[in-house]
Every structure is written in structure tokens, then in C-alpha cells.
Protein backbone atom coordinates (compact mmCIF):
# COMPACT_ATOMS: atom_id res chain seq x y z
CA MET A 1 -9.28 -12.91 5.55
CA ILE A 2 -7.75 -10.04 3.70
CA ILE A 3 -4.34 -10.15 2.23
CA HIS A 4 -2.09 -7.35 1.93
CA THR A 5 0.74 -7.55 -0.53
CA GLY A 6 2.66 -3.77 -0.10
CA ALA A 7 2.83 -3.14 3.76
CA ARG A 8 6.09 -4.84 4.68
CA THR A 9 8.20 -4.55 0.99
CA ASP A 10 6.87 -3.66 -2.60
CA THR A 11 6.41 -7.27 -3.74
CA VAL A 12 5.05 -5.83 -6.93
CA ARG A 13 7.58 -4.11 -7.91
CA PHE A 14 10.72 -5.99 -6.67
CA TYR A 15 9.80 -9.45 -5.96
CA THR A 16 7.28 -9.88 -9.12
CA GLU A 17 7.81 -13.74 -9.99
CA TRP A 18 7.39 -14.85 -5.97
CA LEU A 19 4.42 -13.12 -5.80
CA LEU A 20 2.69 -14.46 -8.70
CA ARG A 21 3.62 -17.66 -8.02
CA ARG A 22 2.67 -18.05 -4.28
CA PHE A 23 -0.80 -17.25 -5.61
CA ASP A 24 -0.25 -20.12 -8.30
CA GLU A 25 0.41 -22.61 -5.60
CA GLY A 26 -1.73 -21.33 -2.79
CA TYR A 27 0.22 -21.21 -0.22
CA VAL A 28 2.82 -18.95 1.27
CA LEU A 29 5.48 -19.58 4.42
CA SER A 30 6.01 -16.61 6.91
CA ARG A 31 8.76 -17.13 9.73
CA ASN A 32 8.43 -16.01 12.87
CA PRO A 33 11.17 -13.04 13.53
CA MET A 34 10.76 -13.24 17.36
CA PHE A 35 11.30 -17.11 17.13
CA PRO A 36 13.07 -17.95 13.88
CA THR A 37 12.23 -21.72 14.01
CA HIS A 38 8.58 -20.81 13.95
CA VAL A 39 7.12 -21.01 10.69
CA SER A 40 3.26 -20.20 9.98
CA ARG A 41 1.38 -21.50 6.33
CA MET A 42 -0.57 -19.19 5.17
CA ARG A 43 -3.57 -20.49 2.10
CA LEU A 44 -3.83 -17.85 -0.57
CA ASP A 45 -7.16 -19.27 -2.11
CA PRO A 46 -10.38 -17.64 -2.71
CA GLU A 47 -12.05 -20.33 -0.17
CA VAL A 48 -10.23 -18.04 2.56
CA VAL A 49 -9.18 -14.91 0.97
CA ASP A 50 -11.72 -12.23 0.79
CA CYS A 51 -9.71 -9.79 -0.85
CA VAL A 52 -6.19 -9.24 -2.13
CA LEU A 53 -4.82 -5.86 -1.44
CA PHE A 54 -1.97 -4.47 -3.72
CA CYS A 55 0.43 -1.28 -2.87
CA SER A 56 3.27 -0.58 -5.03
CA LYS A 57 5.12 2.35 -6.37
CA ASP A 58 5.45 1.16 -10.00
CA TYR A 59 2.71 -1.62 -11.35
CA GLU A 60 4.72 -1.96 -14.53
CA PRO A 61 6.48 -5.64 -13.67
CA ILE A 62 3.25 -7.40 -12.95
CA LEU A 63 0.80 -6.09 -15.63
CA ALA A 64 1.18 -8.36 -18.09
CA ASP A 65 0.53 -11.14 -15.51
CA LEU A 66 -1.83 -9.85 -12.57
CA HIS A 67 -4.73 -11.55 -14.48
CA ARG A 68 -3.76 -14.44 -13.19
CA ILE A 69 -5.04 -12.94 -9.41
CA THR A 70 -7.72 -10.68 -10.52
CA GLU A 71 -9.62 -13.57 -12.34
CA ARG A 72 -9.80 -15.55 -9.06
CA PHE A 73 -9.58 -12.90 -6.17
CA SER A 74 -11.44 -9.61 -5.11
CA THR A 75 -8.51 -7.04 -5.30
CA PHE A 76 -7.91 -3.49 -4.45
CA PHE A 77 -5.15 -1.25 -5.75
CA TYR A 78 -2.94 1.61 -3.90
CA TYR A 79 -1.03 3.41 -5.95
CA THR A 80 1.66 5.75 -4.77
CA ILE A 81 2.46 8.50 -6.98
CA THR A 82 3.87 11.69 -5.22
CA ALA A 83 5.91 14.80 -6.09
CA TYR A 84 9.48 13.70 -5.50
CA GLY A 85 11.84 12.73 -7.45
CA ARG A 86 15.58 10.39 -7.33
CA ASP A 87 16.58 12.64 -4.57
CA VAL A 88 14.03 11.41 -2.43
CA GLU A 89 12.90 8.27 -4.29
CA PRO A 90 15.84 7.01 -6.07
CA ARG A 91 14.39 4.11 -7.53
CA SER A 92 10.46 5.37 -8.22
CA PRO A 93 9.55 6.09 -12.05
CA THR A 94 8.99 9.46 -13.06
CA ILE A 95 5.28 11.18 -12.45
CA ASP A 96 4.73 10.92 -16.27
CA GLU A 97 5.58 6.96 -16.17
CA ALA A 98 3.85 6.17 -13.07
CA ILE A 99 0.58 7.81 -14.34
CA ALA A 100 0.68 5.88 -17.70
CA THR A 101 1.40 2.88 -15.64
CA LEU A 102 -2.05 3.53 -13.85
CA LEU A 103 -3.97 3.98 -16.78
CA ARG A 104 -3.23 0.81 -18.37
CA LEU A 105 -3.68 -0.74 -14.75
CA GLU A 106 -7.33 1.01 -14.62
CA GLU A 107 -7.84 -0.63 -18.43
CA GLN A 108 -7.52 -4.05 -16.32
CA VAL A 109 -9.43 -3.36 -13.39
CA GLY A 110 -11.24 -0.43 -13.39
CA ALA A 111 -11.11 2.82 -11.46
CA GLU A 112 -13.34 1.64 -8.90
CA ARG A 113 -10.55 -0.69 -7.74
CA ILE A 114 -7.98 2.02 -7.57
CA ALA A 115 -6.69 4.51 -5.00
CA TRP A 116 -4.34 7.09 -5.33
CA ARG A 117 -2.01 7.78 -2.69
CA TYR A 118 -0.38 11.16 -2.58
CA ASP A 119 1.90 10.21 0.67
CA PRO A 120 3.57 11.21 2.64
CA VAL A 121 3.67 15.04 2.52
CA LEU A 122 6.91 16.21 3.80
CA LEU A 123 8.49 19.66 3.41
CA THR A 124 12.03 20.49 2.48
CA ARG A 125 13.80 23.65 0.87
CA ARG A 126 13.09 21.57 -2.59
CA TYR A 127 9.72 20.78 -1.54
CA THR A 128 7.74 23.41 -0.65
CA VAL A 129 3.88 23.92 0.04
CA GLU A 130 3.65 26.13 -2.91
CA ARG A 131 5.29 22.66 -5.49
CA HIS A 132 3.03 20.39 -3.59
CA LEU A 133 0.28 22.67 -4.19
CA ARG A 134 1.38 22.53 -8.12
CA THR A 135 2.33 19.22 -8.72
CA PHE A 136 -1.08 17.77 -7.04
CA GLU A 137 -3.14 20.00 -9.25
CA SER A 138 -1.07 18.63 -12.58
CA MET A 139 -1.55 15.01 -11.11
CA ALA A 140 -5.09 15.55 -9.78
CA LYS A 141 -6.22 16.92 -13.52
CA ARG A 142 -4.78 13.35 -15.16
CA LEU A 143 -5.96 10.94 -12.54
CA ALA A 144 -9.46 12.07 -11.76
CA GLY A 145 -12.18 9.86 -13.29
CA HIS A 146 -9.42 7.02 -13.38
CA VAL A 147 -9.02 6.55 -9.46
CA ASP A 148 -11.87 6.15 -6.93
CA ARG A 149 -10.19 8.48 -4.28
CA CYS A 150 -6.78 10.00 -3.44
CA ILE A 151 -5.42 9.39 0.23
CA PHE A 152 -2.68 11.61 1.50
CA SER A 153 -0.93 11.95 4.71
CA PHE A 154 2.05 13.63 6.46
CA VAL A 155 5.33 12.03 7.15
CA GLU A 156 5.62 10.04 10.47
CA VAL A 157 8.93 11.75 11.59
CA ASP A 158 11.34 9.56 13.75
CA GLU A 159 14.89 9.40 14.72
CA LEU A 160 15.46 6.88 11.70
CA VAL A 161 13.78 9.23 8.96
CA ARG A 162 15.74 12.46 10.38
CA GLN A 163 18.59 10.73 10.05
CA ASN A 164 17.90 9.54 6.64
CA MET A 165 16.38 12.89 5.78
CA PRO A 166 18.48 15.75 7.97
CA GLU A 167 16.97 18.51 5.42
CA LEU A 168 13.25 17.67 6.46
CA GLN A 169 11.56 20.80 7.86
CA GLU A 170 8.80 20.66 10.05
CA VAL A 171 5.15 21.27 8.95
CA ALA A 172 4.43 23.96 10.88
CA PRO A 173 -0.06 23.99 11.87
CA ALA A 174 -0.59 26.51 9.55
CA GLN A 175 1.78 24.99 6.76
CA ARG A 176 -0.56 22.07 7.27
CA ARG A 177 -3.69 24.12 6.85
CA GLU A 178 -2.44 25.53 3.76
CA LEU A 179 -1.79 22.31 2.19
CA VAL A 180 -4.56 20.66 3.25
CA GLU A 181 -7.16 23.42 2.15
CA GLY A 182 -5.42 24.23 -1.28
CA MET A 183 -5.43 19.94 -1.82
CA ALA A 184 -9.55 19.99 -0.95
CA ALA A 185 -10.12 22.98 -3.52
CA ILE A 186 -8.10 20.96 -6.03
CA ALA A 187 -9.96 17.77 -5.26
CA ARG A 188 -13.32 19.74 -5.30
CA ARG A 189 -12.78 21.07 -8.82
CA GLN A 190 -11.29 17.92 -10.26
CA GLY A 191 -14.44 16.12 -8.63
CA LEU A 192 -12.17 13.82 -6.90
CA VAL A 193 -12.46 12.16 -3.38
CA LEU A 194 -9.77 13.26 -1.15
CA GLN A 195 -9.50 11.02 2.15
CA SER A 196 -6.53 11.38 5.34
CA CYS A 197 -4.70 8.82 6.43
CA ALA A 198 -4.46 8.09 10.25
CA SER A 199 -4.61 11.91 11.23
CA GLU A 200 -5.38 13.38 14.34
CA ASP A 201 -6.83 16.67 13.10
CA ASP A 202 -10.41 17.08 11.88
CA TRP A 203 -10.44 18.46 8.10
CA SER A 204 -14.43 17.23 7.76
CA ASP A 205 -15.28 21.46 7.29
CA LEU A 206 -13.04 21.21 4.31
CA GLY A 207 -14.95 18.03 2.65
CA ILE A 208 -12.03 15.55 3.11
CA VAL A 209 -13.45 11.83 4.18
CA GLU A 210 -12.46 10.70 7.44
CA SER A 211 -11.78 6.93 6.99
CA GLY A 212 -9.77 4.14 7.25
CA CYS A 213 -7.71 3.35 3.84
CA ILE A 214 -8.75 -0.30 4.08
CA THR A 215 -12.46 -0.48 4.97
CA ARG A 216 -15.44 -3.37 4.77
CA GLU A 217 -17.39 -0.48 2.53
CA LEU A 218 -14.30 0.31 -0.15
CA ILE A 219 -13.84 -3.61 -0.60
CA GLU A 220 -17.27 -4.53 -0.99
CA ARG A 221 -18.30 -1.27 -3.52
CA ALA A 222 -15.30 -1.92 -5.71
CA ASN A 223 -15.73 -5.76 -5.64
CA GLY A 224 -19.80 -6.21 -5.65
CA ILE A 225 -19.57 -8.56 -2.24
CA MET A 226 -20.67 -8.50 1.12
CA LEU A 227 -18.07 -8.86 4.25
CA LYS A 228 -19.12 -9.38 7.53
CA PRO A 229 -17.64 -6.90 10.60
CA ILE A 230 -14.22 -6.77 10.40
CA ALA A 231 -12.18 -5.60 13.70
CA ARG A 232 -9.97 -2.54 13.00
CA ASP A 233 -6.08 -2.58 12.85
CA ARG A 234 -4.16 -1.13 15.73
CA LEU A 235 -1.20 0.08 13.77
CA SER A 236 -2.08 3.46 16.02
CA PRO A 237 -4.69 5.01 17.47
CA GLU A 238 -5.54 7.30 14.70
CA CYS A 239 -5.82 4.01 12.01
CA ARG A 240 -9.03 3.19 11.26
CA CYS A 241 -8.03 0.53 8.75
CA VAL A 242 -9.51 -2.95 8.86
CA CYS A 243 -7.30 -5.93 10.14
CA SER A 244 -5.19 -7.39 7.21
CA ARG A 245 -2.34 -9.96 7.29
CA GLY A 246 1.07 -8.81 5.19
CA LEU A 247 3.18 -10.77 2.66
CA GLY A 248 6.88 -10.58 2.85
CA ASP A 249 9.29 -9.06 5.15
CA TYR A 250 10.56 -6.03 6.45
CA ASN A 251 13.94 -4.83 5.57
CA THR A 252 14.00 -6.28 2.00
CA CYS A 253 12.72 -3.26 -0.15
CA PRO A 254 15.81 -1.84 -2.38
CA GLY A 255 13.56 1.55 -3.55
CA GLY A 256 15.26 3.52 -1.29
CA CYS A 257 12.43 5.78 -0.49
CA ARG A 258 14.62 8.24 2.39
CA TYR A 259 10.72 8.48 4.61
CA CYS A 260 10.50 4.75 4.55
CA TYR A 261 9.21 3.28 7.82
CA ALA A 262 9.55 -0.09 6.77
CA THR A 263 13.15 -0.55 6.01
CA ARG A 264 14.87 -0.22 9.31
CA ARG A 265 18.45 -1.75 8.61
CA ARG A 266 19.57 -0.44 4.95
CA ASP A 267 22.40 -2.81 5.69
CA GLN A 268 20.17 -5.72 5.70
CA VAL A 269 18.24 -5.17 2.18
CA GLY A 270 21.51 -6.27 0.18
CA ARG A 271 22.02 -9.41 2.51
CA ASN A 272 17.97 -10.53 2.34
CA ARG A 273 17.59 -9.85 -1.84
CA ARG A 274 21.14 -12.17 -1.98
CA LYS A 275 19.18 -14.97 -0.01
CA HIS A 276 15.85 -14.59 -1.86
CA ASP A 277 14.46 -17.69 -3.94
CA PRO A 278 11.52 -16.79 -6.37
CA THR A 279 10.40 -20.55 -6.10
CA SER A 280 10.42 -20.75 -2.18
CA PRO A 281 7.39 -20.10 -0.46
CA MET A 282 9.07 -17.57 1.49
CA LEU A 283 10.19 -14.47 0.76
CA ILE A 284 13.85 -14.67 2.21
CA GLY A 285 15.46 -18.27 2.64
CA GLY A 286 13.52 -21.42 2.93
CA LEU A 287 12.86 -24.23 5.40
CA THR A 288 15.75 -25.45 7.49
CA ASP A 289 16.38 -28.27 9.96
CA GLY A 290 14.53 -27.68 12.98
CA ASP A 291 11.84 -25.52 11.99
CA GLN A 292 7.95 -26.09 12.90
CA VAL A 293 5.09 -24.90 10.67
CA THR A 294 1.85 -24.51 11.60
CA ASP A 295 -1.39 -23.89 9.77
CA ALA A 296 -2.64 -20.46 10.07
CA LYS A 297 -6.24 -20.36 10.80
CA PRO A 298 -7.76 -17.70 8.60
CA ARG A 299 -10.76 -15.94 9.31
CA VAL A 300 -13.13 -15.67 6.58
CA TYR A 301 -15.24 -12.77 6.24
CA ARG A 302 -17.24 -12.90 2.82
CA ILE A 303 -21.08 -13.71 3.34
CA TYR A 304 -22.23 -15.48 0.34
CA GLN A 305 -25.59 -14.42 -1.47
CA ASP A 306 -27.07 -17.86 -1.65
CA ALA A 307 -26.63 -17.78 2.26
CA LEU A 308 -28.98 -15.18 2.82
CA PHE A 309 -31.92 -16.67 1.52
């Protein structure tokens, strides 16, 4: 079973104590949003968890205690560092702060377990093609050799994102090509693997890797393990990631990133945060009378070496 800690909310940054406690106690409870009285109990122990995937914009809150997880589990870390300031990402650290934290994370887990996410790529009057390429080059020079790869994607614009960011400009095909060509050239100069995420475009002629962000091969190589084949996720037709199980709940991240897809109801974030108890097995609230708790059946993919002989 692959566990993903950051697809629904930034648990590393805003729910650090809860996340660490869940792995210490070895289980987590999750309420079914469609059937509120149905609660699933998922084991969080090395016997059934093949790898723990982290995704965050700031690992500073967990660094001191991260060993409580990395010493017991195979892991991989996605670190999102973009070109944007507080006008787009109100509570994210600065680029300098984020890179400093990434280098400290590398000291603990190694570059082979870290992917830098430069996404989503979006355009406004302030964040132009030229500014992206200038910022990307500056960051690539500092991060090359300290991460396994860089993964990028373009913003997915829906009605909510358009409402939150009315200044968004359409990324014309020519601009998209200019951006990708420029990033690819920078990555080559720095010896950095550049990978696209969930894209309909084919940029193989530019040397860009077409793969899922979460793949069996990536997890195996980073952790020195072997896994059975894992089915692909079905988030979108373009997604090539393998299936994983997420921790946490939507509409709970106070980061306020204006392009965020996981926070559909910003008015609910404050209310949900007030219901959070770090000691509860649920991220928001706890068990109530009438709840029906069932054990989730994990699918273990790891192949133990002794089984090969």
C-alpha cells in the first residue's frame, strides 16, 4: 500500500503533530464524505505500507521529528517550490527559505528521495514567460545535484480557479512551447532531469521525461526495494501515477494558494481547523455515536528478497 500525505491538504506543514502521532500509533480513521457514518480504519505500519509519499511546500515543521517515520518506512518526498510570492501563495516560505529547508531535508533522506515540483506554471502580467525562465534557472542552479528530478505542470483552470485568480492569462501554445523549451535547456545545462506531469503534450524531442510523478520504478530506486506491478491511478486520462491512499481531508488547508484544487470551499477551512484535535485518529473531529468503523483492506506490493530464493 502506498500512502500519500499531501494530496488533500498540506499535513506536513499544518498538521505535523497529528501526522507524526498517526504513524506512531499505527492507524488512521477516515470518514466517508458521501456516507458520514461510515468510517474506515487504515493501518499505518511497515507490514502493510510499502512507501510513504510526502508532498509539501514547507518541511521545516517536521524536520526535527521526521526520523520517527523515515527510520521505519520507505519514503519519497515531493517539495513544491515555485516562482510565486505572497500574492499567489500567501503562507508559503520564500524561495530562499524553501531551498534552505530542502537542503536540510536532503541531509536526512538523500537527494535520490526528493523531487522538486515547479508547479503549477501559470501566467499573469507579473508572472511572465521571461520571469518564469529567469526564476527557474536561478533555482535550478541551486537545486541541481540535491534532488532526483524536477517535475512541472501547467495550471488547470476551472471555474473556481478563474474566480480566485481573475488575473490569470491563457497560456497560448507558442508560450507553452517557449516555456518548456527554455526550461529543458536550463535543465540540460544543470544536469537536472526534467519531467512533465499529466500533460497531453509530447515534449520527448526536448529530452523531457514522460512519466507519472509516482511510479513503481521511482519508489524502488529511491529505497532499494522491489514492488509488484501497481495499477495506475485514474485522476485524469493523462495521469500516469500509480494508485495511492491519501491521508487527511479536503477543505482543511489554510495555505490559501489561489490556484489550489484541493480547497473548494475556503469558507469551510476555518471551521474545520477549529474541529481539529492532534490526538484524534481523524484529522477533523472524532468518532460519534452511530459511526460504523470497518478495517480497510491494504494491498501489499513489496517483494521481500527472501521470497525470491
